[in-house]
């Protein structure tokens, strides 16, 4: 039996755990990426992210607002319209999201799987 001392044990960084607790949820990253260029109305967000339900979009937007990554703004109209925009903290995610996009283009180009040349 192998000796598993303290030096052998690793733990996930707390910051990384918090990031993936939020961004590991389906749709969250796509919502943030869609909001990067500027404010978007709820209906336009729903159209921009195929497959997301209104309920799921609403839930994810509430979570992102609670974490301080976006702000909900109501235009009294008429008609009444709600839009969402990223806060400074949300906009700060742009370099990381762009880098993830570049990584996906390089390593997940074959339908979500790494091409053979990158497997070892």
N, C-alpha and C. Protein backbone atom coordinates (compact mmCIF):
# COMPACT_ATOMS: atom_id res chain seq x y z
N UNK A 1 0.85 -1.17 0.00
CA UNK A 1 0.00 0.00 0.00
C UNK A 1 0.90 1.24 0.00
N UNK A 2 0.58 2.22 -0.81
CA UNK A 2 1.37 3.43 -0.94
C UNK A 2 1.16 4.32 0.27
N UNK A 3 2.25 5.01 0.66
CA UNK A 3 2.18 5.95 1.77
C UNK A 3 1.70 7.30 1.24
N UNK A 4 0.57 7.76 1.74
CA UNK A 4 0.01 9.04 1.29
C UNK A 4 0.15 10.06 2.42
N UNK A 5 1.34 10.61 2.54
CA UNK A 5 1.58 11.63 3.56
C UNK A 5 0.99 12.96 3.15
N UNK A 6 1.17 13.95 4.05
CA UNK A 6 0.64 15.29 3.79
C UNK A 6 1.19 15.88 2.50
N UNK A 7 2.44 15.61 2.21
CA UNK A 7 3.07 16.17 1.02
C UNK A 7 2.40 15.64 -0.25
N UNK A 8 1.81 14.46 -0.19
CA UNK A 8 1.19 13.86 -1.36
C UNK A 8 -0.23 14.39 -1.60
N UNK A 9 -0.84 14.94 -0.58
CA UNK A 9 -2.21 15.41 -0.72
C UNK A 9 -2.23 16.81 -1.34
N UNK A 10 -3.17 17.00 -2.21
CA UNK A 10 -3.36 18.32 -2.83
C UNK A 10 -4.80 18.72 -2.63
N UNK A 11 -4.99 20.01 -2.51
CA UNK A 11 -6.34 20.53 -2.41
C UNK A 11 -6.53 21.61 -3.46
N UNK A 12 -7.73 21.73 -3.90
CA UNK A 12 -8.08 22.75 -4.88
C UNK A 12 -8.02 24.11 -4.21
N UNK A 13 -7.46 25.06 -4.91
CA UNK A 13 -7.40 26.44 -4.44
C UNK A 13 -8.81 26.95 -4.19
N UNK A 14 -9.02 27.65 -3.08
CA UNK A 14 -10.35 28.17 -2.73
C UNK A 14 -10.91 29.09 -3.80
N UNK A 15 -10.07 29.95 -4.36
CA UNK A 15 -10.53 30.86 -5.41
C UNK A 15 -11.00 30.10 -6.63
N UNK A 16 -10.26 29.08 -7.04
CA UNK A 16 -10.64 28.28 -8.19
C UNK A 16 -11.95 27.54 -7.92
N UNK A 17 -12.11 27.07 -6.70
CA UNK A 17 -13.36 26.38 -6.34
C UNK A 17 -14.55 27.33 -6.45
N UNK A 18 -14.38 28.58 -6.01
CA UNK A 18 -15.49 29.55 -6.10
C UNK A 18 -15.80 29.89 -7.55
N UNK A 19 -14.76 30.03 -8.39
CA UNK A 19 -14.98 30.34 -9.81
C UNK A 19 -15.79 29.23 -10.46
N UNK A 20 -15.40 27.98 -10.24
CA UNK A 20 -16.10 26.89 -10.90
C UNK A 20 -17.44 26.57 -10.26
N UNK A 21 -17.64 26.98 -9.02
CA UNK A 21 -18.96 26.83 -8.42
C UNK A 21 -19.96 27.70 -9.18
N UNK A 22 -19.52 28.86 -9.61
CA UNK A 22 -20.39 29.76 -10.37
C UNK A 22 -20.36 29.44 -11.87
N UNK A 23 -19.17 29.40 -12.47
CA UNK A 23 -19.05 29.23 -13.92
C UNK A 23 -19.16 27.78 -14.37
N UNK A 24 -19.19 26.86 -13.43
CA UNK A 24 -19.38 25.46 -13.78
C UNK A 24 -20.84 25.13 -14.06
N UNK A 25 -21.72 26.05 -13.75
CA UNK A 25 -23.14 25.84 -14.02
C UNK A 25 -23.43 26.11 -15.48
N UNK A 26 -24.26 25.27 -16.05
CA UNK A 26 -24.60 25.43 -17.46
C UNK A 26 -25.21 26.81 -17.71
N UNK A 27 -24.82 27.42 -18.79
CA UNK A 27 -25.30 28.70 -19.30
C UNK A 27 -24.59 29.92 -18.73
N UNK A 28 -24.01 29.85 -17.56
CA UNK A 28 -23.44 31.04 -16.92
C UNK A 28 -22.39 31.71 -17.79
N UNK A 29 -21.44 30.95 -18.29
CA UNK A 29 -20.39 31.53 -19.12
C UNK A 29 -20.94 32.15 -20.39
N UNK A 30 -21.93 31.50 -21.00
CA UNK A 30 -22.53 32.03 -22.23
C UNK A 30 -23.27 33.34 -21.96
N UNK A 31 -23.91 33.43 -20.83
CA UNK A 31 -24.62 34.67 -20.47
C UNK A 31 -23.62 35.80 -20.31
N UNK A 32 -22.56 35.55 -19.57
CA UNK A 32 -21.54 36.59 -19.35
C UNK A 32 -20.91 36.99 -20.69
N UNK A 33 -20.58 36.01 -21.52
CA UNK A 33 -19.98 36.32 -22.82
C UNK A 33 -20.92 37.15 -23.69
N UNK A 34 -22.21 36.87 -23.65
CA UNK A 34 -23.20 37.60 -24.43
C UNK A 34 -23.32 39.04 -23.96
N UNK A 35 -23.10 39.27 -22.67
CA UNK A 35 -23.21 40.62 -22.10
C UNK A 35 -21.92 41.44 -22.25
N UNK A 36 -20.82 40.83 -22.67
CA UNK A 36 -19.54 41.54 -22.77
C UNK A 36 -19.62 42.82 -23.61
N UNK A 37 -20.24 42.80 -24.79
CA UNK A 37 -20.25 44.02 -25.61
C UNK A 37 -21.08 45.17 -25.03
N UNK A 38 -22.03 44.87 -24.15
CA UNK A 38 -22.86 45.92 -23.58
C UNK A 38 -24.18 45.37 -23.10
N UNK A 39 -25.05 46.27 -22.60
CA UNK A 39 -26.35 45.86 -22.06
C UNK A 39 -27.20 45.11 -23.09
N UNK A 40 -27.95 44.13 -22.59
CA UNK A 40 -28.82 43.32 -23.45
C UNK A 40 -30.15 43.14 -22.75
N UNK A 41 -31.25 43.27 -23.51
CA UNK A 41 -32.58 43.03 -22.96
C UNK A 41 -32.79 41.53 -22.76
N UNK A 42 -33.67 41.20 -21.82
CA UNK A 42 -33.93 39.81 -21.48
C UNK A 42 -34.30 38.98 -22.71
N UNK A 43 -35.23 39.47 -23.52
CA UNK A 43 -35.68 38.71 -24.69
C UNK A 43 -34.53 38.49 -25.68
N UNK A 44 -33.68 39.48 -25.83
CA UNK A 44 -32.54 39.35 -26.74
C UNK A 44 -31.52 38.35 -26.20
N UNK A 45 -31.36 38.33 -24.89
CA UNK A 45 -30.47 37.34 -24.27
C UNK A 45 -30.98 35.93 -24.54
N UNK A 46 -32.27 35.75 -24.37
CA UNK A 46 -32.86 34.43 -24.59
C UNK A 46 -32.68 33.97 -26.03
N UNK A 47 -32.85 34.89 -26.98
CA UNK A 47 -32.65 34.54 -28.39
C UNK A 47 -31.17 34.27 -28.70
N UNK A 48 -30.28 34.93 -28.01
CA UNK A 48 -28.85 34.79 -28.28
C UNK A 48 -28.28 33.47 -27.77
N UNK A 49 -29.00 32.82 -26.84
CA UNK A 49 -28.51 31.59 -26.24
C UNK A 49 -29.52 30.47 -26.52
N UNK A 50 -29.40 29.82 -27.67
CA UNK A 50 -30.36 28.77 -28.03
C UNK A 50 -30.39 27.65 -26.99
N UNK A 51 -31.61 27.23 -26.66
CA UNK A 51 -31.78 26.09 -25.75
C UNK A 51 -32.03 26.48 -24.31
N UNK A 52 -31.77 27.72 -23.93
CA UNK A 52 -31.99 28.11 -22.54
C UNK A 52 -33.46 28.48 -22.36
N UNK A 53 -34.04 28.03 -21.26
CA UNK A 53 -35.43 28.37 -20.97
C UNK A 53 -35.48 29.73 -20.28
N UNK A 54 -36.66 30.35 -20.30
CA UNK A 54 -36.83 31.63 -19.62
C UNK A 54 -36.54 31.49 -18.13
N UNK A 55 -37.01 30.40 -17.56
CA UNK A 55 -36.81 30.17 -16.11
C UNK A 55 -35.32 30.02 -15.78
N UNK A 56 -34.59 29.25 -16.59
CA UNK A 56 -33.17 29.05 -16.33
C UNK A 56 -32.41 30.35 -16.52
N UNK A 57 -32.75 31.09 -17.57
CA UNK A 57 -32.09 32.38 -17.80
C UNK A 57 -32.33 33.31 -16.62
N UNK A 58 -33.56 33.38 -16.17
CA UNK A 58 -33.89 34.23 -15.04
C UNK A 58 -33.11 33.81 -13.79
N UNK A 59 -33.05 32.50 -13.53
CA UNK A 59 -32.30 32.00 -12.36
C UNK A 59 -30.82 32.36 -12.44
N UNK A 60 -30.22 32.15 -13.61
CA UNK A 60 -28.79 32.44 -13.77
C UNK A 60 -28.52 33.94 -13.66
N UNK A 61 -29.41 34.76 -14.20
CA UNK A 61 -29.24 36.20 -14.10
C UNK A 61 -29.31 36.65 -12.64
N UNK A 62 -30.22 36.07 -11.87
CA UNK A 62 -30.33 36.41 -10.45
C UNK A 62 -29.06 36.02 -9.71
N UNK A 63 -28.50 34.84 -10.02
CA UNK A 63 -27.26 34.39 -9.38
C UNK A 63 -26.11 35.34 -9.72
N UNK A 64 -26.00 35.72 -10.98
CA UNK A 64 -24.93 36.62 -11.40
C UNK A 64 -25.08 38.00 -10.77
N UNK A 65 -26.31 38.46 -10.62
CA UNK A 65 -26.55 39.75 -9.95
C UNK A 65 -26.17 39.65 -8.48
N UNK A 66 -26.51 38.53 -7.85
CA UNK A 66 -26.21 38.35 -6.43
C UNK A 66 -24.71 38.31 -6.16
N UNK A 67 -23.94 37.83 -7.14
CA UNK A 67 -22.48 37.80 -6.97
C UNK A 67 -21.83 39.12 -7.32
N UNK A 68 -22.60 40.04 -7.90
CA UNK A 68 -22.05 41.35 -8.25
C UNK A 68 -21.44 41.42 -9.64
N UNK A 69 -21.73 40.43 -10.49
CA UNK A 69 -21.17 40.43 -11.84
C UNK A 69 -22.04 41.17 -12.85
N UNK A 70 -23.31 41.34 -12.54
CA UNK A 70 -24.17 42.09 -13.46
C UNK A 70 -25.20 42.89 -12.68
N UNK A 71 -25.80 43.84 -13.41
CA UNK A 71 -26.82 44.69 -12.84
C UNK A 71 -28.07 44.60 -13.71
N UNK A 72 -29.21 44.54 -13.06
CA UNK A 72 -30.52 44.52 -13.73
C UNK A 72 -31.03 45.95 -13.77
N UNK A 73 -31.40 46.41 -14.97
CA UNK A 73 -31.91 47.77 -15.11
C UNK A 73 -33.29 47.72 -15.76
N UNK A 74 -34.24 48.46 -15.19
CA UNK A 74 -35.61 48.47 -15.69
C UNK A 74 -35.87 49.81 -16.38
N UNK A 75 -36.30 49.73 -17.64
CA UNK A 75 -36.73 50.90 -18.40
C UNK A 75 -38.25 50.92 -18.32
N UNK A 76 -38.78 51.91 -17.63
CA UNK A 76 -40.21 51.96 -17.36
C UNK A 76 -41.07 52.05 -18.62
N UNK A 77 -40.45 52.42 -19.73
CA UNK A 77 -41.17 52.40 -21.00
C UNK A 77 -42.21 53.49 -21.11
N UNK A 78 -43.31 53.30 -21.78
CA UNK A 78 -43.78 52.03 -22.26
C UNK A 78 -43.03 51.58 -23.52
N UNK A 79 -42.94 50.34 -23.79
CA UNK A 79 -43.27 49.22 -22.90
C UNK A 79 -42.17 49.02 -21.86
N UNK A 80 -42.51 48.37 -20.77
CA UNK A 80 -41.56 48.04 -19.72
C UNK A 80 -40.54 47.07 -20.29
N UNK A 81 -39.25 47.39 -20.17
CA UNK A 81 -38.20 46.49 -20.66
C UNK A 81 -37.12 46.37 -19.60
N UNK A 82 -36.60 45.17 -19.47
CA UNK A 82 -35.53 44.91 -18.51
C UNK A 82 -34.27 44.58 -19.29
N UNK A 83 -33.17 45.21 -18.92
CA UNK A 83 -31.90 44.88 -19.55
C UNK A 83 -30.88 44.55 -18.46
N UNK A 84 -29.83 43.93 -18.89
CA UNK A 84 -28.77 43.51 -17.98
C UNK A 84 -27.44 43.99 -18.54
N UNK A 85 -26.56 44.42 -17.63
CA UNK A 85 -25.22 44.81 -18.05
C UNK A 85 -24.22 44.32 -17.03
N UNK A 86 -23.02 44.07 -17.49
CA UNK A 86 -21.97 43.59 -16.59
C UNK A 86 -21.43 44.75 -15.76
N UNK A 87 -21.06 44.44 -14.54
CA UNK A 87 -20.38 45.41 -13.68
C UNK A 87 -18.89 45.38 -14.03
N UNK A 88 -18.12 46.19 -13.36
CA UNK A 88 -16.67 46.18 -13.57
C UNK A 88 -16.11 44.78 -13.30
N UNK A 89 -16.62 44.13 -12.27
CA UNK A 89 -16.16 42.77 -11.94
C UNK A 89 -16.51 41.79 -13.07
N UNK A 90 -17.69 41.93 -13.64
CA UNK A 90 -18.09 41.07 -14.75
C UNK A 90 -17.25 41.31 -15.98
N UNK A 91 -17.02 42.58 -16.30
CA UNK A 91 -16.21 42.92 -17.47
C UNK A 91 -14.76 42.45 -17.32
N UNK A 92 -14.30 42.32 -16.09
CA UNK A 92 -12.94 41.85 -15.84
C UNK A 92 -12.75 40.39 -16.25
N UNK A 93 -13.84 39.68 -16.50
CA UNK A 93 -13.77 38.28 -16.95
C UNK A 93 -13.40 38.17 -18.42
N UNK A 94 -13.46 39.27 -19.17
CA UNK A 94 -13.24 39.22 -20.62
C UNK A 94 -11.93 38.54 -21.03
N UNK A 95 -10.78 38.90 -20.46
CA UNK A 95 -9.55 38.23 -20.89
C UNK A 95 -9.59 36.72 -20.66
N UNK A 96 -10.16 36.29 -19.55
CA UNK A 96 -10.24 34.86 -19.25
C UNK A 96 -11.16 34.16 -20.24
N UNK A 97 -12.30 34.76 -20.56
CA UNK A 97 -13.24 34.15 -21.49
C UNK A 97 -12.65 34.09 -22.90
N UNK A 98 -11.95 35.14 -23.31
CA UNK A 98 -11.30 35.12 -24.62
C UNK A 98 -10.24 34.03 -24.69
N UNK A 99 -9.49 33.87 -23.62
CA UNK A 99 -8.47 32.83 -23.59
C UNK A 99 -9.09 31.44 -23.65
N UNK A 100 -10.21 31.24 -22.95
CA UNK A 100 -10.92 29.97 -23.03
C UNK A 100 -11.42 29.71 -24.45
N UNK A 101 -11.89 30.75 -25.11
CA UNK A 101 -12.32 30.62 -26.50
C UNK A 101 -11.17 30.21 -27.42
N UNK A 102 -10.01 30.83 -27.23
CA UNK A 102 -8.82 30.45 -28.03
C UNK A 102 -8.42 29.00 -27.74
N UNK A 103 -8.47 28.63 -26.48
CA UNK A 103 -8.13 27.25 -26.11
C UNK A 103 -9.07 26.27 -26.80
N UNK A 104 -10.36 26.58 -26.79
CA UNK A 104 -11.35 25.70 -27.42
C UNK A 104 -11.11 25.59 -28.92
N UNK A 105 -10.76 26.68 -29.58
CA UNK A 105 -10.47 26.64 -31.02
C UNK A 105 -9.29 25.73 -31.32
N UNK A 106 -8.30 25.74 -30.44
CA UNK A 106 -7.11 24.92 -30.64
C UNK A 106 -7.34 23.46 -30.26
N UNK A 107 -7.93 23.24 -29.10
CA UNK A 107 -7.98 21.89 -28.55
C UNK A 107 -9.32 21.18 -28.67
N UNK A 108 -10.39 21.89 -28.94
CA UNK A 108 -11.70 21.26 -29.05
C UNK A 108 -12.31 21.49 -30.43
N UNK A 109 -11.47 21.63 -31.41
CA UNK A 109 -11.92 21.95 -32.77
C UNK A 109 -12.70 20.80 -33.40
N UNK A 110 -12.47 19.58 -32.99
CA UNK A 110 -13.10 18.41 -33.61
C UNK A 110 -14.38 18.00 -32.87
N UNK A 111 -15.36 18.86 -32.91
CA UNK A 111 -16.66 18.52 -32.32
C UNK A 111 -16.63 18.32 -30.82
N UNK A 112 -15.80 19.07 -30.12
CA UNK A 112 -15.76 18.96 -28.66
C UNK A 112 -14.73 18.00 -28.13
N UNK A 113 -13.94 17.40 -29.02
CA UNK A 113 -12.88 16.50 -28.57
C UNK A 113 -11.54 17.03 -29.05
N UNK A 114 -10.51 16.78 -28.26
CA UNK A 114 -9.17 17.19 -28.67
C UNK A 114 -8.77 16.39 -29.91
N UNK A 115 -8.23 17.10 -30.93
CA UNK A 115 -7.73 16.37 -32.10
C UNK A 115 -6.63 15.39 -31.70
N UNK A 116 -6.48 14.35 -32.48
CA UNK A 116 -5.52 13.28 -32.18
C UNK A 116 -4.12 13.83 -31.90
N UNK A 117 -3.73 14.87 -32.62
CA UNK A 117 -2.36 15.38 -32.47
C UNK A 117 -2.10 15.97 -31.08
N UNK A 118 -3.14 16.28 -30.32
CA UNK A 118 -2.96 16.85 -28.99
C UNK A 118 -3.14 15.81 -27.88
N UNK A 119 -3.44 14.60 -28.22
CA UNK A 119 -3.64 13.56 -27.21
C UNK A 119 -2.31 12.88 -26.91
N UNK A 120 -2.13 12.55 -25.70
CA UNK A 120 -0.91 11.82 -25.30
C UNK A 120 -1.25 10.75 -24.32
